[in-house]
Amino acid sequence: MELRHLRHFLAVADELHMGRAAERLGMAQPPLSQSIARLEKELGVRLFDRANRRMALTRAGTAFIDEARSSVLHADAAFALARSAENGAAGEVRIGFVSAALYEHLPRRLARLRRSYPGIKPKLLELSTNDQLMALSDGTIDLGVAHPPLGTGDRLDVMELPPEASIAVLPEDGKNTQVSLAELAAHGLILFPAAQGPVLHARLLDCFTSAGVEVKIVQEATRALTMLSLVSAGLGAAVLPRSVRRLTFEGVRYAEIMDSTLPSLSLALIARRRARLPIVGRVWDVFTKPDKEIVE
């Protein structure tokens, strides 16, 4: 059974007139009659009564019409999806991200992607910066949102996002919203492993050293939510992007650091520099638009 035979059947069923159906389909009447006859022969039933030069659906034709219409609609949808996938407007794209991207940058860009290309389905993978670099290299992700600097030379396209100020996260103690470096250090620091972001790790610790404050790393954690859980348990304090304040997390308080400026926390969009699939190019274009163009 060919799809064109179903289209011919539906046109005749709608018109109940072979001549009008042929005109609607842009074909001559004899080939249309032959197409209907072949379909009836293949099904082993009559689809139309042709008594007194009038056409009517038989019981079999009436039973067949809904399934035939559904099949044609599904086929048309499949054709449209295939065409969209070919030009990059539909399909799956794999996006790696560090947890710091979750609070502001990534959600806004995903919302814009959904509005611009509803047929593109992002598959999100939470990965450290180093893991993203490896995943881009072996082709298991298409794009990433990672912490610079990346030290990858000319292998990647990199677009840095606006840096975000740091904020202290401490166990809830009912105090005001400001804290000194010494108060922060007194809790002990919960920090990401140096291998996860060696430059930022060193810059954070240098701030304490430059201020003459001794600080000890009491816990290491690779995810912001893990850090918040450890802080709420009273195991130390953390330094996270200011946008983390969007999370209401029981047992923690967020505080501005009043006597020092900790390094801003930067993120960058990254993708392989070599020729990209059309879908990856479209997502890159959406994600790299200036923030002022990303409207909620």
Protein backbone atom coordinates (compact mmCIF):
# COMPACT_ATOMS: atom_id res chain seq x y z
CA MET A 1 0.00 0.00 0.00
CA GLU A 2 1.49 3.30 -1.07
CA LEU A 3 0.93 6.63 0.63
CA ARG A 4 -0.31 8.16 -2.62
CA HIS A 5 -3.13 5.59 -2.72
CA LEU A 6 -4.26 6.75 0.72
CA ARG A 7 -4.19 10.36 -0.40
CA HIS A 8 -6.27 9.44 -3.44
CA PHE A 9 -8.77 7.55 -1.29
CA LEU A 10 -9.17 10.47 1.12
CA ALA A 11 -9.74 12.96 -1.70
CA VAL A 12 -12.45 10.76 -3.20
CA ALA A 13 -13.98 10.11 0.24
CA ASP A 14 -14.14 13.86 0.91
CA GLU A 15 -15.60 14.77 -2.47
CA LEU A 16 -17.64 11.61 -3.18
CA HIS A 17 -17.10 12.52 -6.82
CA MET A 18 -14.26 11.15 -8.92
CA GLY A 19 -14.03 14.19 -11.20
CA ARG A 20 -13.86 16.74 -8.37
CA ALA A 21 -11.36 14.57 -6.48
CA ALA A 22 -9.15 14.33 -9.57
CA GLU A 23 -9.28 18.10 -10.03
CA ARG A 24 -8.38 18.62 -6.36
CA LEU A 25 -5.41 16.27 -6.71
CA GLY A 26 -4.29 17.83 -9.99
CA MET A 27 -4.49 14.60 -11.94
CA ALA A 28 -6.67 13.01 -14.63
CA GLN A 29 -9.69 10.99 -13.63
CA PRO A 30 -8.72 7.60 -15.19
CA PRO A 31 -5.46 7.24 -13.19
CA LEU A 32 -7.36 8.18 -10.02
CA SER A 33 -9.99 5.52 -10.71
CA GLN A 34 -7.22 2.99 -11.32
CA SER A 35 -5.52 3.97 -8.04
CA ILE A 36 -8.71 3.42 -6.05
CA ALA A 37 -9.26 0.09 -7.79
CA ARG A 38 -5.73 -1.05 -6.90
CA LEU A 39 -6.26 -0.06 -3.28
CA GLU A 40 -9.55 -1.96 -3.09
CA LYS A 41 -7.90 -5.00 -4.66
CA GLU A 42 -5.04 -4.87 -2.15
CA LEU A 43 -7.42 -4.52 0.80
CA GLY A 44 -9.83 -7.15 -0.57
CA VAL A 45 -12.87 -4.93 0.07
CA ARG A 46 -14.93 -2.34 -1.76
CA LEU A 47 -14.43 1.15 -0.36
CA PHE A 48 -17.11 2.90 -2.41
CA ASP A 49 -20.58 2.09 -3.73
CA ARG A 50 -21.04 3.47 -7.24
CA ALA A 51 -24.77 2.91 -7.75
CA ASN A 52 -26.80 5.21 -10.02
CA ARG A 53 -23.72 7.32 -10.89
CA ARG A 54 -23.46 8.39 -7.26
CA MET A 55 -20.63 7.50 -4.87
CA ALA A 56 -20.92 6.60 -1.22
CA LEU A 57 -18.56 5.06 1.28
CA THR A 58 -19.19 1.42 2.07
CA ARG A 59 -19.08 0.18 5.63
CA ALA A 60 -15.47 -0.87 5.00
CA GLY A 61 -14.66 2.56 3.56
CA THR A 62 -16.16 4.31 6.58
CA ALA A 63 -14.13 2.10 8.91
CA PHE A 64 -10.97 2.71 6.88
CA ILE A 65 -11.13 6.50 6.57
CA ASP A 66 -10.00 7.49 10.07
CA GLU A 67 -6.95 5.23 10.00
CA ALA A 68 -6.08 6.36 6.49
CA ARG A 69 -6.32 10.02 7.50
CA SER A 70 -4.21 9.37 10.62
CA SER A 71 -1.56 7.57 8.54
CA VAL A 72 -1.30 10.46 6.09
CA LEU A 73 -1.09 13.02 8.88
CA HIS A 74 1.66 11.04 10.64
CA ALA A 75 3.55 10.67 7.39
CA ASP A 76 3.30 14.39 6.68
CA ALA A 77 4.55 15.15 10.21
CA ALA A 78 7.46 12.75 9.73
CA PHE A 79 8.37 14.39 6.41
CA ALA A 80 8.26 17.84 8.02
CA LEU A 81 10.41 16.67 10.93
CA ALA A 82 12.96 15.15 8.55
CA ARG A 83 13.15 18.41 6.58
CA SER A 84 13.53 20.40 9.81
CA ALA A 85 16.27 18.08 11.05
CA GLU A 86 18.12 18.44 7.75
CA ASN A 87 18.27 22.24 8.10
CA GLY A 88 18.95 22.14 11.84
CA ALA A 89 15.53 23.26 13.10
CA ALA A 90 14.72 19.98 14.85
CA GLY A 91 16.48 17.14 16.63
CA GLU A 92 18.52 16.54 19.76
CA VAL A 93 21.51 18.61 20.86
CA ARG A 94 23.72 17.54 23.78
CA ILE A 95 24.74 20.33 26.15
CA GLY A 96 27.23 19.99 28.99
CA PHE A 97 27.12 22.45 31.87
CA VAL A 98 28.72 23.23 35.21
CA SER A 99 26.35 23.71 38.12
CA ALA A 100 27.02 27.48 38.27
CA ALA A 101 25.25 27.81 34.90
CA LEU A 102 21.96 26.58 36.36
CA TYR A 103 20.91 29.71 38.22
CA GLU A 104 20.84 32.31 35.47
CA HIS A 105 22.71 31.83 32.21
CA LEU A 106 21.54 28.40 31.09
CA PRO A 107 17.81 28.67 31.92
CA ARG A 108 17.51 31.96 30.04
CA ARG A 109 19.18 30.55 26.97
CA LEU A 110 17.16 27.35 27.04
CA ALA A 111 13.96 29.39 27.22
CA ARG A 112 15.04 31.38 24.16
CA LEU A 113 15.93 28.18 22.33
CA ARG A 114 12.49 26.74 23.06
CA ARG A 115 10.82 29.88 21.69
CA SER A 116 13.05 30.05 18.61
CA TYR A 117 13.20 26.35 17.70
CA PRO A 118 10.56 24.26 19.50
CA GLY A 119 11.66 21.23 17.48
CA ILE A 120 15.15 21.23 19.00
CA LYS A 121 15.32 19.09 22.13
CA PRO A 122 18.28 19.76 24.45
CA LYS A 123 19.81 16.84 26.31
CA LEU A 124 21.53 18.29 29.39
CA LEU A 125 24.56 16.71 31.05
CA GLU A 126 26.07 18.16 34.24
CA LEU A 127 29.84 17.90 33.79
CA SER A 128 32.91 19.62 35.17
CA THR A 129 34.87 21.90 32.85
CA ASN A 130 37.55 19.25 32.26
CA ASP A 131 34.92 16.60 31.58
CA GLN A 132 33.24 18.91 29.07
CA LEU A 133 36.50 19.44 27.23
CA MET A 134 36.97 15.68 26.94
CA ALA A 135 33.34 15.18 25.92
CA LEU A 136 33.66 17.80 23.17
CA SER A 137 36.84 16.15 21.97
CA ASP A 138 35.29 12.68 21.72
CA GLY A 139 31.97 13.97 20.38
CA THR A 140 29.71 12.98 23.27
CA ILE A 141 28.45 16.56 23.71
CA ASP A 142 27.88 19.29 21.12
CA LEU A 143 28.12 22.42 23.28
CA GLY A 144 29.23 23.28 26.79
CA VAL A 145 28.90 25.93 29.47
CA ALA A 146 32.14 25.83 31.42
CA HIS A 147 34.52 27.83 33.62
CA PRO A 148 37.32 29.66 31.77
CA PRO A 149 40.23 29.87 31.24
CA LEU A 150 40.23 26.73 29.16
CA GLY A 151 43.75 26.50 27.74
CA THR A 152 42.57 24.78 24.56
CA GLY A 153 44.29 26.96 21.97
CA ASP A 154 42.51 27.03 18.64
CA ARG A 155 40.51 23.84 19.11
CA LEU A 156 37.37 25.53 20.44
CA ASP A 157 35.12 28.45 19.80
CA VAL A 158 34.75 30.23 23.14
CA MET A 159 32.39 33.05 24.08
CA GLU A 160 32.72 34.31 27.63
CA LEU A 161 29.50 35.30 29.38
CA PRO A 162 29.24 38.36 31.65
CA PRO A 163 31.12 37.57 34.89
CA GLU A 164 29.13 37.16 38.07
CA ALA A 165 30.11 38.45 41.51
CA SER A 166 30.81 35.97 44.31
CA ILE A 167 28.79 35.68 47.48
CA ALA A 168 29.45 33.92 50.77
CA VAL A 169 27.20 31.06 51.88
CA LEU A 170 27.20 30.33 55.62
CA PRO A 171 25.21 28.25 58.09
CA GLU A 172 22.09 30.11 59.19
CA ASP A 173 22.89 31.90 62.45
CA GLY A 174 20.48 34.83 62.46
CA LYS A 175 23.22 37.40 61.82
CA ASN A 176 23.15 40.21 59.30
CA THR A 177 23.78 39.80 55.59
CA GLN A 178 27.44 40.88 55.57
CA VAL A 179 30.50 38.91 56.55
CA SER A 180 34.25 39.48 56.67
CA LEU A 181 36.88 37.21 55.17
CA ALA A 182 38.00 36.29 58.67
CA GLU A 183 34.45 35.27 59.65
CA LEU A 184 34.15 33.25 56.48
CA ALA A 185 37.50 31.54 57.12
CA ALA A 186 36.50 30.74 60.71
CA HIS A 187 33.88 28.33 59.41
CA GLY A 188 36.36 26.53 57.17
CA LEU A 189 35.94 26.61 53.41
CA ILE A 190 33.92 24.19 51.31
CA LEU A 191 35.47 24.50 47.87
CA PHE A 192 35.55 22.73 44.53
CA PRO A 193 38.66 20.59 43.83
CA ALA A 194 41.59 22.46 42.29
CA ALA A 195 41.47 20.19 39.23
CA GLN A 196 37.95 21.37 38.49
CA GLY A 197 39.10 24.97 37.99
CA PRO A 198 42.74 25.50 38.92
CA VAL A 199 42.93 29.21 38.05
CA LEU A 200 39.80 30.23 39.94
CA HIS A 201 40.72 27.93 42.85
CA ALA A 202 44.09 29.66 43.20
CA ARG A 203 42.62 33.15 42.87
CA LEU A 204 40.06 32.49 45.61
CA LEU A 205 42.70 31.29 48.04
CA ASP A 206 45.02 34.20 47.11
CA CYS A 207 42.33 36.63 48.30
CA PHE A 208 42.55 35.21 51.81
CA THR A 209 46.36 35.16 51.73
CA SER A 210 46.54 38.77 50.52
CA ALA A 211 44.23 39.85 53.35
CA GLY A 212 46.39 38.03 55.90
CA VAL A 213 43.64 35.56 56.70
CA GLU A 214 44.47 31.90 57.12
CA VAL A 215 41.81 29.62 55.67
CA LYS A 216 41.48 25.87 55.66
CA ILE A 217 39.57 23.81 53.10
CA VAL A 218 37.47 21.48 55.21
CA GLN A 219 35.42 19.83 52.45
CA GLU A 220 35.60 19.52 48.68
CA ALA A 221 32.51 19.31 46.50
CA THR A 222 31.99 19.51 42.76
CA ARG A 223 28.34 20.60 42.74
CA ALA A 224 26.76 23.76 44.15
CA LEU A 225 23.82 21.85 45.64
CA THR A 226 26.26 19.58 47.45
CA MET A 227 28.03 22.65 48.84
CA LEU A 228 24.73 24.10 50.05
CA SER A 229 23.87 20.83 51.77
CA LEU A 230 27.25 20.73 53.51
CA VAL A 231 26.89 24.35 54.61
CA SER A 232 23.39 23.72 55.98
CA ALA A 233 24.83 20.83 57.99
CA GLY A 234 27.29 23.25 59.60
CA LEU A 235 30.37 21.69 58.02
CA GLY A 236 31.78 24.94 56.64
CA ALA A 237 31.12 27.96 54.43
CA ALA A 238 31.25 28.32 50.66
CA VAL A 239 31.75 30.90 47.93
CA LEU A 240 29.26 30.67 45.07
CA PRO A 241 27.87 32.86 42.26
CA ARG A 242 25.51 35.58 43.47
CA SER A 243 22.66 34.13 41.41
CA VAL A 244 22.58 31.16 43.81
CA ARG A 245 20.43 33.39 46.03
CA ARG A 246 17.53 32.39 43.79
CA LEU A 247 17.55 29.12 45.72
CA THR A 248 15.76 29.04 49.04
CA PHE A 249 17.82 26.50 50.95
CA GLU A 250 16.96 25.74 54.56
CA GLY A 251 19.79 26.20 57.03
CA VAL A 252 21.95 28.60 55.01
CA ARG A 253 22.30 32.35 54.70
CA TYR A 254 23.80 34.37 51.89
CA ALA A 255 26.12 37.22 52.76
CA GLU A 256 28.02 39.94 50.95
CA ILE A 257 31.74 39.99 51.75
CA MET A 258 32.42 43.46 53.12
CA ASP A 259 36.22 43.73 53.35
CA SER A 260 37.42 42.13 50.13
CA THR A 261 36.43 41.62 46.55
CA LEU A 262 36.58 37.96 45.66
CA PRO A 263 37.19 37.13 42.00
CA SER A 264 34.16 37.15 39.77
CA LEU A 265 32.93 33.76 38.67
CA SER A 266 33.07 33.48 34.89
CA LEU A 267 31.37 31.13 32.50
CA ALA A 268 31.92 30.55 28.81
CA LEU A 269 30.03 28.88 26.00
CA ILE A 270 32.24 26.39 24.20
CA ALA A 271 31.94 24.31 21.04
CA ARG A 272 34.28 22.51 18.69
CA ARG A 273 35.70 24.85 16.08
CA ARG A 274 35.50 22.37 13.20
CA ALA A 275 32.47 22.34 10.92
CA ARG A 276 29.28 21.89 12.93
CA LEU A 277 26.01 20.20 12.18
CA PRO A 278 23.30 22.74 11.27
CA ILE A 279 21.45 22.08 14.53
CA VAL A 280 24.55 22.83 16.61
CA GLY A 281 25.12 26.03 14.66
CA ARG A 282 21.57 27.17 15.34
CA VAL A 283 21.87 26.49 19.07
CA TRP A 284 25.23 28.27 19.19
CA ASP A 285 23.71 31.32 17.48
CA VAL A 286 20.83 31.41 19.98
CA PHE A 287 23.09 30.91 23.02
CA THR A 288 25.64 33.53 21.97
CA LYS A 289 23.19 36.37 21.46
CA PRO A 290 23.90 39.27 23.86
CA ASP A 291 22.06 39.08 27.17
CA LYS A 292 20.04 42.19 26.31
CA GLU A 293 18.49 40.23 23.43
CA ILE A 294 17.48 37.34 25.70
CA VAL A 295 14.11 38.45 26.98
CA GLU A 296 12.09 36.28 29.33
